[in-house]
Structure formats: C-alpha cells, structure tokens
Amino acid sequence: ASPDDRAHGIFAVSFRPAGDWFPMVWSEDSREVHGVDV
C-alpha cells in the first residue's frame, strides 16, 4: 500500500473526526465518513 496516496492507500474508519476522510469507491464524492491512513 502507498501511504499518503488516496488511490492506493489503506484507510480505516473513525466515527469521531480524525483529520481525514474514508474514500468510498461506491460514493466517491462523499466526505462524511471520517478515516485514518493506516
């Protein structure tokens, strides 16, 4: 996986704001689900 690469990174969901968002391929424009780059 590529850190800091939104297309090829691995992300985990956080309910509280985490400074980033979780990329959902089924809803690419959404920014409502918080995430962390792991």
ModelCIF file with pLDDT and N, C-alpha, C, O atoms, coordinates in Angstrom:
data_MODEL
#
_entry.id   MODEL 
#
_entity.id                         1 
_entity.type                       polymer 
_entity.pdbx_number_of_molecules   1 
#
_entity_poly.entity_id                      1 
_entity_poly.type                           'polypeptide(L)' 
_entity_poly.nstd_linkage                   no 
_entity_poly.nstd_monomer                   no 
_entity_poly.pdbx_seq_one_letter_code       ASPDDRAHGIFAVSFRPAGDWFPMVWSEDSREVHGVDV 
_entity_poly.pdbx_seq_one_letter_code_can   ASPDDRAHGIFAVSFRPAGDWFPMVWSEDSREVHGVDV 
_entity_poly.pdbx_strand_id                 A 
#
loop_
_entity_poly_seq.entity_id 
_entity_poly_seq.num 
_entity_poly_seq.mon_id 
_entity_poly_seq.hetero 
1 1  ALA n 
1 2  SER n 
1 3  PRO n 
1 4  ASP n 
1 5  ASP n 
1 6  ARG n 
1 7  ALA n 
1 8  HIS n 
1 9  GLY n 
1 10 ILE n 
1 11 PHE n 
1 12 ALA n 
1 13 VAL n 
1 14 SER n 
1 15 PHE n 
1 16 ARG n 
1 17 PRO n 
1 18 ALA n 
1 19 GLY n 
1 20 ASP n 
1 21 TRP n 
1 22 PHE n 
1 23 PRO n 
1 24 MET n 
1 25 VAL n 
1 26 TRP n 
1 27 SER n 
1 28 GLU n 
1 29 ASP n 
1 30 SER n 
1 31 ARG n 
1 32 GLU n 
1 33 VAL n 
1 34 HIS n 
1 35 GLY n 
1 36 VAL n 
1 37 ASP n 
1 38 VAL n 
#
_struct_asym.id          A 
_struct_asym.entity_id   1 
#
loop_
_ma_qa_metric.id 
_ma_qa_metric.mode 
_ma_qa_metric.name 
_ma_qa_metric.software_group_id 
_ma_qa_metric.type 
1 global pLDDT . pLDDT 
2 local  pLDDT . pLDDT 
#
_ma_qa_metric_global.metric_id      1 
_ma_qa_metric_global.metric_value   95.50 
_ma_qa_metric_global.model_id       1 
_ma_qa_metric_global.ordinal_id     1 
#
loop_
_ma_qa_metric_local.label_asym_id 
_ma_qa_metric_local.label_comp_id 
_ma_qa_metric_local.label_seq_id 
_ma_qa_metric_local.metric_id 
_ma_qa_metric_local.metric_value 
_ma_qa_metric_local.model_id 
_ma_qa_metric_local.ordinal_id 
A ALA 1  2 95.00 1 1  
A SER 2  2 93.00 1 2  
A PRO 3  2 94.00 1 3  
A ASP 4  2 87.00 1 4  
A ASP 5  2 91.00 1 5  
A ARG 6  2 91.00 1 6  
A ALA 7  2 93.00 1 7  
A HIS 8  2 95.00 1 8  
A GLY 9  2 97.00 1 9  
A ILE 10 2 98.00 1 10 
A PHE 11 2 98.00 1 11 
A ALA 12 2 98.00 1 12 
A VAL 13 2 98.00 1 13 
A SER 14 2 98.00 1 14 
A PHE 15 2 98.00 1 15 
A ARG 16 2 98.00 1 16 
A PRO 17 2 97.00 1 17 
A ALA 18 2 97.00 1 18 
A GLY 19 2 94.00 1 19 
A ASP 20 2 96.00 1 20 
A TRP 21 2 96.00 1 21 
A PHE 22 2 97.00 1 22 
A PRO 23 2 96.00 1 23 
A MET 24 2 96.00 1 24 
A VAL 25 2 94.00 1 25 
A TRP 26 2 95.00 1 26 
A SER 27 2 95.00 1 27 
A GLU 28 2 93.00 1 28 
A ASP 29 2 93.00 1 29 
A SER 30 2 94.00 1 30 
A ARG 31 2 95.00 1 31 
A GLU 32 2 94.00 1 32 
A VAL 33 2 97.00 1 33 
A HIS 34 2 98.00 1 34 
A GLY 35 2 97.00 1 35 
A VAL 36 2 98.00 1 36 
A ASP 37 2 97.00 1 37 
A VAL 38 2 98.00 1 38 
#
loop_
_atom_site.group_PDB 
_atom_site.id 
_atom_site.type_symbol 
_atom_site.label_atom_id 
_atom_site.label_alt_id 
_atom_site.label_comp_id 
_atom_site.label_asym_id 
_atom_site.label_entity_id 
_atom_site.label_seq_id 
_atom_site.pdbx_PDB_ins_code 
_atom_site.Cartn_x 
_atom_site.Cartn_y 
_atom_site.Cartn_z 
_atom_site.occupancy 
_atom_site.B_iso_or_equiv 
_atom_site.pdbx_formal_charge 
_atom_site.auth_seq_id 
_atom_site.auth_comp_id 
_atom_site.auth_asym_id 
_atom_site.auth_atom_id 
_atom_site.pdbx_PDB_model_num 
ATOM 1   N N  . ALA A 1 1  ? 0.837   -1.204 0.000  1.00 95.00 ? 1  ALA A N  1 
ATOM 2   C CA . ALA A 1 1  ? 0.000   0.000  0.000  1.00 95.00 ? 1  ALA A CA 1 
ATOM 3   C C  . ALA A 1 1  ? 0.868   1.247  0.000  1.00 95.00 ? 1  ALA A C  1 
ATOM 4   O O  . ALA A 1 1  ? 2.010   1.223  0.459  1.00 95.00 ? 1  ALA A O  1 
ATOM 5   N N  . SER A 1 2  ? 0.320   2.332  -0.516 1.00 93.00 ? 2  SER A N  1 
ATOM 6   C CA . SER A 1 2  ? 1.077   3.579  -0.648 1.00 93.00 ? 2  SER A CA 1 
ATOM 7   C C  . SER A 1 2  ? 0.590   4.612  0.359  1.00 93.00 ? 2  SER A C  1 
ATOM 8   O O  . SER A 1 2  ? -0.507  5.150  0.205  1.00 93.00 ? 2  SER A O  1 
ATOM 9   N N  . PRO A 1 3  ? 1.381   4.897  1.385  1.00 94.00 ? 3  PRO A N  1 
ATOM 10  C CA . PRO A 1 3  ? 0.981   5.922  2.353  1.00 94.00 ? 3  PRO A CA 1 
ATOM 11  C C  . PRO A 1 3  ? 0.793   7.275  1.665  1.00 94.00 ? 3  PRO A C  1 
ATOM 12  O O  . PRO A 1 3  ? 1.513   7.609  0.723  1.00 94.00 ? 3  PRO A O  1 
ATOM 13  N N  . ASP A 1 4  ? -0.162  8.031  2.138  1.00 87.00 ? 4  ASP A N  1 
ATOM 14  C CA . ASP A 1 4  ? -0.452  9.371  1.596  1.00 87.00 ? 4  ASP A CA 1 
ATOM 15  C C  . ASP A 1 4  ? -0.914  9.333  0.148  1.00 87.00 ? 4  ASP A C  1 
ATOM 16  O O  . ASP A 1 4  ? -0.905  10.358 -0.533 1.00 87.00 ? 4  ASP A O  1 
ATOM 17  N N  . ASP A 1 5  ? -1.314  8.170  -0.324 1.00 91.00 ? 5  ASP A N  1 
ATOM 18  C CA . ASP A 1 5  ? -1.836  8.038  -1.688 1.00 91.00 ? 5  ASP A CA 1 
ATOM 19  C C  . ASP A 1 5  ? -3.300  7.631  -1.571 1.00 91.00 ? 5  ASP A C  1 
ATOM 20  O O  . ASP A 1 5  ? -3.608  6.489  -1.232 1.00 91.00 ? 5  ASP A O  1 
ATOM 21  N N  . ARG A 1 6  ? -4.197  8.566  -1.852 1.00 91.00 ? 6  ARG A N  1 
ATOM 22  C CA . ARG A 1 6  ? -5.614  8.299  -1.644 1.00 91.00 ? 6  ARG A CA 1 
ATOM 23  C C  . ARG A 1 6  ? -6.136  7.186  -2.544 1.00 91.00 ? 6  ARG A C  1 
ATOM 24  O O  . ARG A 1 6  ? -7.099  6.507  -2.187 1.00 91.00 ? 6  ARG A O  1 
ATOM 25  N N  . ALA A 1 7  ? -5.529  6.992  -3.685 1.00 93.00 ? 7  ALA A N  1 
ATOM 26  C CA . ALA A 1 7  ? -5.999  5.964  -4.610 1.00 93.00 ? 7  ALA A CA 1 
ATOM 27  C C  . ALA A 1 7  ? -5.504  4.572  -4.240 1.00 93.00 ? 7  ALA A C  1 
ATOM 28  O O  . ALA A 1 7  ? -6.190  3.585  -4.506 1.00 93.00 ? 7  ALA A O  1 
ATOM 29  N N  . HIS A 1 8  ? -4.318  4.475  -3.628 1.00 95.00 ? 8  HIS A N  1 
ATOM 30  C CA . HIS A 1 8  ? -3.716  3.167  -3.371 1.00 95.00 ? 8  HIS A CA 1 
ATOM 31  C C  . HIS A 1 8  ? -3.320  2.962  -1.913 1.00 95.00 ? 8  HIS A C  1 
ATOM 32  O O  . HIS A 1 8  ? -2.534  2.065  -1.606 1.00 95.00 ? 8  HIS A O  1 
ATOM 33  N N  . GLY A 1 9  ? -3.845  3.768  -1.031 1.00 97.00 ? 9  GLY A N  1 
ATOM 34  C CA . GLY A 1 9  ? -3.565  3.613  0.389  1.00 97.00 ? 9  GLY A CA 1 
ATOM 35  C C  . GLY A 1 9  ? -4.593  2.728  1.065  1.00 97.00 ? 9  GLY A C  1 
ATOM 36  O O  . GLY A 1 9  ? -5.576  2.313  0.451  1.00 97.00 ? 9  GLY A O  1 
ATOM 37  N N  . ILE A 1 10 ? -4.354  2.446  2.329  1.00 98.00 ? 10 ILE A N  1 
ATOM 38  C CA . ILE A 1 10 ? -5.306  1.701  3.148  1.00 98.00 ? 10 ILE A CA 1 
ATOM 39  C C  . ILE A 1 10 ? -5.811  2.637  4.237  1.00 98.00 ? 10 ILE A C  1 
ATOM 40  O O  . ILE A 1 10 ? -5.032  3.319  4.902  1.00 98.00 ? 10 ILE A O  1 
ATOM 41  N N  . PHE A 1 11 ? -7.127  2.655  4.407  1.00 98.00 ? 11 PHE A N  1 
ATOM 42  C CA . PHE A 1 11 ? -7.753  3.563  5.361  1.00 98.00 ? 11 PHE A CA 1 
ATOM 43  C C  . PHE A 1 11 ? -8.666  2.783  6.299  1.00 98.00 ? 11 PHE A C  1 
ATOM 44  O O  . PHE A 1 11 ? -9.221  1.746  5.935  1.00 98.00 ? 11 PHE A O  1 
ATOM 45  N N  . ALA A 1 12 ? -8.808  3.307  7.516  1.00 98.00 ? 12 ALA A N  1 
ATOM 46  C CA . ALA A 1 12 ? -9.732  2.740  8.494  1.00 98.00 ? 12 ALA A CA 1 
ATOM 47  C C  . ALA A 1 12 ? -10.704 3.832  8.921  1.00 98.00 ? 12 ALA A C  1 
ATOM 48  O O  . ALA A 1 12 ? -10.345 5.008  8.987  1.00 98.00 ? 12 ALA A O  1 
ATOM 49  N N  . VAL A 1 13 ? -11.929 3.433  9.207  1.00 98.00 ? 13 VAL A N  1 
ATOM 50  C CA . VAL A 1 13 ? -12.988 4.379  9.545  1.00 98.00 ? 13 VAL A CA 1 
ATOM 51  C C  . VAL A 1 13 ? -12.876 4.818  11.006 1.00 98.00 ? 13 VAL A C  1 
ATOM 52  O O  . VAL A 1 13 ? -12.525 4.026  11.880 1.00 98.00 ? 13 VAL A O  1 
ATOM 53  N N  . SER A 1 14 ? -13.178 6.081  11.252 1.00 98.00 ? 14 SER A N  1 
ATOM 54  C CA . SER A 1 14 ? -13.300 6.618  12.601 1.00 98.00 ? 14 SER A CA 1 
ATOM 55  C C  . SER A 1 14 ? -14.635 7.354  12.698 1.00 98.00 ? 14 SER A C  1 
ATOM 56  O O  . SER A 1 14 ? -14.991 8.104  11.789 1.00 98.00 ? 14 SER A O  1 
ATOM 57  N N  . PHE A 1 15 ? -15.379 7.151  13.789 1.00 98.00 ? 15 PHE A N  1 
ATOM 58  C CA . PHE A 1 15 ? -16.648 7.874  13.932 1.00 98.00 ? 15 PHE A CA 1 
ATOM 59  C C  . PHE A 1 15 ? -16.387 9.329  14.289 1.00 98.00 ? 15 PHE A C  1 
ATOM 60  O O  . PHE A 1 15 ? -17.040 10.230 13.761 1.00 98.00 ? 15 PHE A O  1 
ATOM 61  N N  . ARG A 1 16 ? -15.432 9.560  15.187 1.00 98.00 ? 16 ARG A N  1 
ATOM 62  C CA . ARG A 1 16 ? -15.082 10.947 15.516 1.00 98.00 ? 16 ARG A CA 1 
ATOM 63  C C  . ARG A 1 16 ? -14.169 11.493 14.433 1.00 98.00 ? 16 ARG A C  1 
ATOM 64  O O  . ARG A 1 16 ? -13.480 10.709 13.780 1.00 98.00 ? 16 ARG A O  1 
ATOM 65  N N  . PRO A 1 17 ? -14.131 12.800 14.211 1.00 97.00 ? 17 PRO A N  1 
ATOM 66  C CA . PRO A 1 17 ? -13.226 13.384 13.223 1.00 97.00 ? 17 PRO A CA 1 
ATOM 67  C C  . PRO A 1 17 ? -11.787 12.969 13.492 1.00 97.00 ? 17 PRO A C  1 
ATOM 68  O O  . PRO A 1 17 ? -11.336 12.948 14.637 1.00 97.00 ? 17 PRO A O  1 
ATOM 69  N N  . ALA A 1 18 ? -11.066 12.636 12.408 1.00 97.00 ? 18 ALA A N  1 
ATOM 70  C CA . ALA A 1 18 ? -9.694  12.152 12.547 1.00 97.00 ? 18 ALA A CA 1 
ATOM 71  C C  . ALA A 1 18 ? -8.726  12.921 11.660 1.00 97.00 ? 18 ALA A C  1 
ATOM 72  O O  . ALA A 1 18 ? -7.577  12.510 11.496 1.00 97.00 ? 18 ALA A O  1 
ATOM 73  N N  . GLY A 1 19 ? -9.177  14.028 11.086 1.00 94.00 ? 19 GLY A N  1 
ATOM 74  C CA . GLY A 1 19 ? -8.305  14.822 10.243 1.00 94.00 ? 19 GLY A CA 1 
ATOM 75  C C  . GLY A 1 19 ? -8.246  14.358 8.808  1.00 94.00 ? 19 GLY A C  1 
ATOM 76  O O  . GLY A 1 19 ? -7.520  14.940 8.002  1.00 94.00 ? 19 GLY A O  1 
ATOM 77  N N  . ASP A 1 20 ? -8.997  13.317 8.466  1.00 96.00 ? 20 ASP A N  1 
ATOM 78  C CA . ASP A 1 20 ? -9.006  12.791 7.111  1.00 96.00 ? 20 ASP A CA 1 
ATOM 79  C C  . ASP A 1 20 ? -10.375 12.150 6.875  1.00 96.00 ? 20 ASP A C  1 
ATOM 80  O O  . ASP A 1 20 ? -11.190 12.069 7.794  1.00 96.00 ? 20 ASP A O  1 
ATOM 81  N N  . TRP A 1 21 ? -10.622 11.701 5.665  1.00 96.00 ? 21 TRP A N  1 
ATOM 82  C CA . TRP A 1 21 ? -11.892 11.052 5.355  1.00 96.00 ? 21 TRP A CA 1 
ATOM 83  C C  . TRP A 1 21 ? -11.648 9.695  4.715  1.00 96.00 ? 21 TRP A C  1 
ATOM 84  O O  . TRP A 1 21 ? -10.598 9.449  4.122  1.00 96.00 ? 21 TRP A O  1 
ATOM 85  N N  . PHE A 1 22 ? -12.637 8.820  4.847  1.00 97.00 ? 22 PHE A N  1 
ATOM 86  C CA . PHE A 1 22 ? -12.513 7.469  4.315  1.00 97.00 ? 22 PHE A CA 1 
ATOM 87  C C  . PHE A 1 22 ? -12.996 7.451  2.867  1.00 97.00 ? 22 PHE A C  1 
ATOM 88  O O  . PHE A 1 22 ? -14.143 7.814  2.605  1.00 97.00 ? 22 PHE A O  1 
ATOM 89  N N  . PRO A 1 23 ? -12.147 7.035  1.912  1.00 96.00 ? 23 PRO A N  1 
ATOM 90  C CA . PRO A 1 23 ? -12.546 7.020  0.499  1.00 96.00 ? 23 PRO A CA 1 
ATOM 91  C C  . PRO A 1 23 ? -13.447 5.830  0.178  1.00 96.00 ? 23 PRO A C  1 
ATOM 92  O O  . PRO A 1 23 ? -13.021 4.679  0.272  1.00 96.00 ? 23 PRO A O  1 
ATOM 93  N N  . MET A 1 24 ? -14.682 6.110  -0.196 1.00 96.00 ? 24 MET A N  1 
ATOM 94  C CA . MET A 1 24 ? -15.649 5.062  -0.522 1.00 96.00 ? 24 MET A CA 1 
ATOM 95  C C  . MET A 1 24 ? -15.823 5.002  -2.035 1.00 96.00 ? 24 MET A C  1 
ATOM 96  O O  . MET A 1 24 ? -16.320 5.954  -2.636 1.00 96.00 ? 24 MET A O  1 
ATOM 97  N N  . VAL A 1 25 ? -15.426 3.912  -2.648 1.00 94.00 ? 25 VAL A N  1 
ATOM 98  C CA . VAL A 1 25 ? -15.474 3.809  -4.105 1.00 94.00 ? 25 VAL A CA 1 
ATOM 99  C C  . VAL A 1 25 ? -16.910 3.800  -4.617 1.00 94.00 ? 25 VAL A C  1 
ATOM 100 O O  . VAL A 1 25 ? -17.146 4.120  -5.782 1.00 94.00 ? 25 VAL A O  1 
ATOM 101 N N  . TRP A 1 26 ? -17.869 3.444  -3.774 1.00 95.00 ? 26 TRP A N  1 
ATOM 102 C CA . TRP A 1 26 ? -19.275 3.446  -4.178 1.00 95.00 ? 26 TRP A CA 1 
ATOM 103 C C  . TRP A 1 26 ? -19.913 4.828  -4.008 1.00 95.00 ? 26 TRP A C  1 
ATOM 104 O O  . TRP A 1 26 ? -21.048 5.038  -4.437 1.00 95.00 ? 26 TRP A O  1 
ATOM 105 N N  . SER A 1 27 ? -19.198 5.769  -3.389 1.00 95.00 ? 27 SER A N  1 
ATOM 106 C CA . SER A 1 27 ? -19.688 7.130  -3.199 1.00 95.00 ? 27 SER A CA 1 
ATOM 107 C C  . SER A 1 27 ? -18.484 8.063  -3.175 1.00 95.00 ? 27 SER A C  1 
ATOM 108 O O  . SER A 1 27 ? -18.129 8.620  -2.137 1.00 95.00 ? 27 SER A O  1 
ATOM 109 N N  . GLU A 1 28 ? -17.870 8.219  -4.329 1.00 93.00 ? 28 GLU A N  1 
ATOM 110 C CA . GLU A 1 28 ? -16.557 8.849  -4.420 1.00 93.00 ? 28 GLU A CA 1 
ATOM 111 C C  . GLU A 1 28 ? -16.534 10.312 -3.978 1.00 93.00 ? 28 GLU A C  1 
ATOM 112 O O  . GLU A 1 28 ? -15.489 10.802 -3.547 1.00 93.00 ? 28 GLU A O  1 
ATOM 113 N N  . ASP A 1 29 ? -17.644 11.010 -4.073 1.00 93.00 ? 29 ASP A N  1 
ATOM 114 C CA . ASP A 1 29 ? -17.662 12.431 -3.710 1.00 93.00 ? 29 ASP A CA 1 
ATOM 115 C C  . ASP A 1 29 ? -17.948 12.670 -2.235 1.00 93.00 ? 29 ASP A C  1 
ATOM 116 O O  . ASP A 1 29 ? -17.839 13.803 -1.767 1.00 93.00 ? 29 ASP A O  1 
ATOM 117 N N  . SER A 1 30 ? -18.308 11.643 -1.504 1.00 94.00 ? 30 SER A N  1 
ATOM 118 C CA . SER A 1 30 ? -18.671 11.814 -0.102 1.00 94.00 ? 30 SER A CA 1 
ATOM 119 C C  . SER A 1 30 ? -17.438 12.044 0.772  1.00 94.00 ? 30 SER A C  1 
ATOM 120 O O  . SER A 1 30 ? -16.393 11.422 0.576  1.00 94.00 ? 30 SER A O  1 
ATOM 121 N N  . ARG A 1 31 ? -17.584 12.943 1.732  1.00 95.00 ? 31 ARG A N  1 
ATOM 122 C CA . ARG A 1 31 ? -16.529 13.209 2.710  1.00 95.00 ? 31 ARG A CA 1 
ATOM 123 C C  . ARG A 1 31 ? -17.072 13.065 4.133  1.00 95.00 ? 31 ARG A C  1 
ATOM 124 O O  . ARG A 1 31 ? -16.436 13.522 5.083  1.00 95.00 ? 31 ARG A O  1 
ATOM 125 N N  . GLU A 1 32 ? -18.222 12.446 4.289  1.00 94.00 ? 32 GLU A N  1 
ATOM 126 C CA . GLU A 1 32 ? -18.893 12.414 5.592  1.00 94.00 ? 32 GLU A CA 1 
ATOM 127 C C  . GLU A 1 32 ? -18.375 11.324 6.519  1.00 94.00 ? 32 GLU A C  1 
ATOM 128 O O  . GLU A 1 32 ? -18.596 11.392 7.728  1.00 94.00 ? 32 GLU A O  1 
ATOM 129 N N  . VAL A 1 33 ? -17.692 10.321 5.980  1.00 97.00 ? 33 VAL A N  1 
ATOM 130 C CA . VAL A 1 33 ? -17.163 9.251  6.827  1.00 97.00 ? 33 VAL A CA 1 
ATOM 131 C C  . VAL A 1 33 ? -15.700 9.561  7.132  1.00 97.00 ? 33 VAL A C  1 
ATOM 132 O O  . VAL A 1 33 ? -14.869 9.640  6.227  1.00 97.00 ? 33 VAL A O  1 
ATOM 133 N N  . HIS A 1 34 ? -15.400 9.733  8.406  1.00 98.00 ? 34 HIS A N  1 
ATOM 134 C CA . HIS A 1 34 ? -14.028 10.067 8.808  1.00 98.00 ? 34 HIS A CA 1 
ATOM 135 C C  . HIS A 1 34 ? -13.122 8.836  8.679  1.00 98.00 ? 34 HIS A C  1 
ATOM 136 O O  . HIS A 1 34 ? -13.584 7.699  8.775  1.00 98.00 ? 34 HIS A O  1 
ATOM 137 N N  . GLY A 1 35 ? -11.838 9.081  8.464  1.00 97.00 ? 35 GLY A N  1 
ATOM 138 C CA . GLY A 1 35 ? -10.914 7.967  8.308  1.00 97.00 ? 35 GLY A CA 1 
ATOM 139 C C  . GLY A 1 35 ? -9.496  8.319  8.691  1.00 97.00 ? 35 GLY A C  1 
ATOM 140 O O  . GLY A 1 35 ? -9.150  9.488  8.857  1.00 97.00 ? 35 GLY A O  1 
ATOM 141 N N  . VAL A 1 36 ? -8.680  7.286  8.828  1.00 98.00 ? 36 VAL A N  1 
ATOM 142 C CA . VAL A 1 36 ? -7.251  7.454  9.107  1.00 98.00 ? 36 VAL A CA 1 
ATOM 143 C C  . VAL A 1 36 ? -6.471  6.599  8.112  1.00 98.00 ? 36 VAL A C  1 
ATOM 144 O O  . VAL A 1 36 ? -6.886  5.494  7.764  1.00 98.00 ? 36 VAL A O  1 
ATOM 145 N N  . ASP A 1 37 ? -5.342  7.125  7.664  1.00 97.00 ? 37 ASP A N  1 
ATOM 146 C CA . ASP A 1 37 ? -4.471  6.400  6.746  1.00 97.00 ? 37 ASP A CA 1 
ATOM 147 C C  . ASP A 1 37 ? -3.607  5.437  7.558  1.00 97.00 ? 37 ASP A C  1 
ATOM 148 O O  . ASP A 1 37 ? -2.783  5.863  8.367  1.00 97.00 ? 37 ASP A O  1 
ATOM 149 N N  . VAL A 1 38 ? -3.800  4.140  7.337  1.00 98.00 ? 38 VAL A N  1 
ATOM 150 C CA . VAL A 1 38 ? -3.064  3.122  8.097  1.00 98.00 ? 38 VAL A CA 1 
ATOM 151 C C  . VAL A 1 38 ? -2.126  2.330  7.190  1.00 98.00 ? 38 VAL A C  1 
ATOM 152 O O  . VAL A 1 38 ? -1.427  1.431  7.660  1.00 98.00 ? 38 VAL A O  1 
#
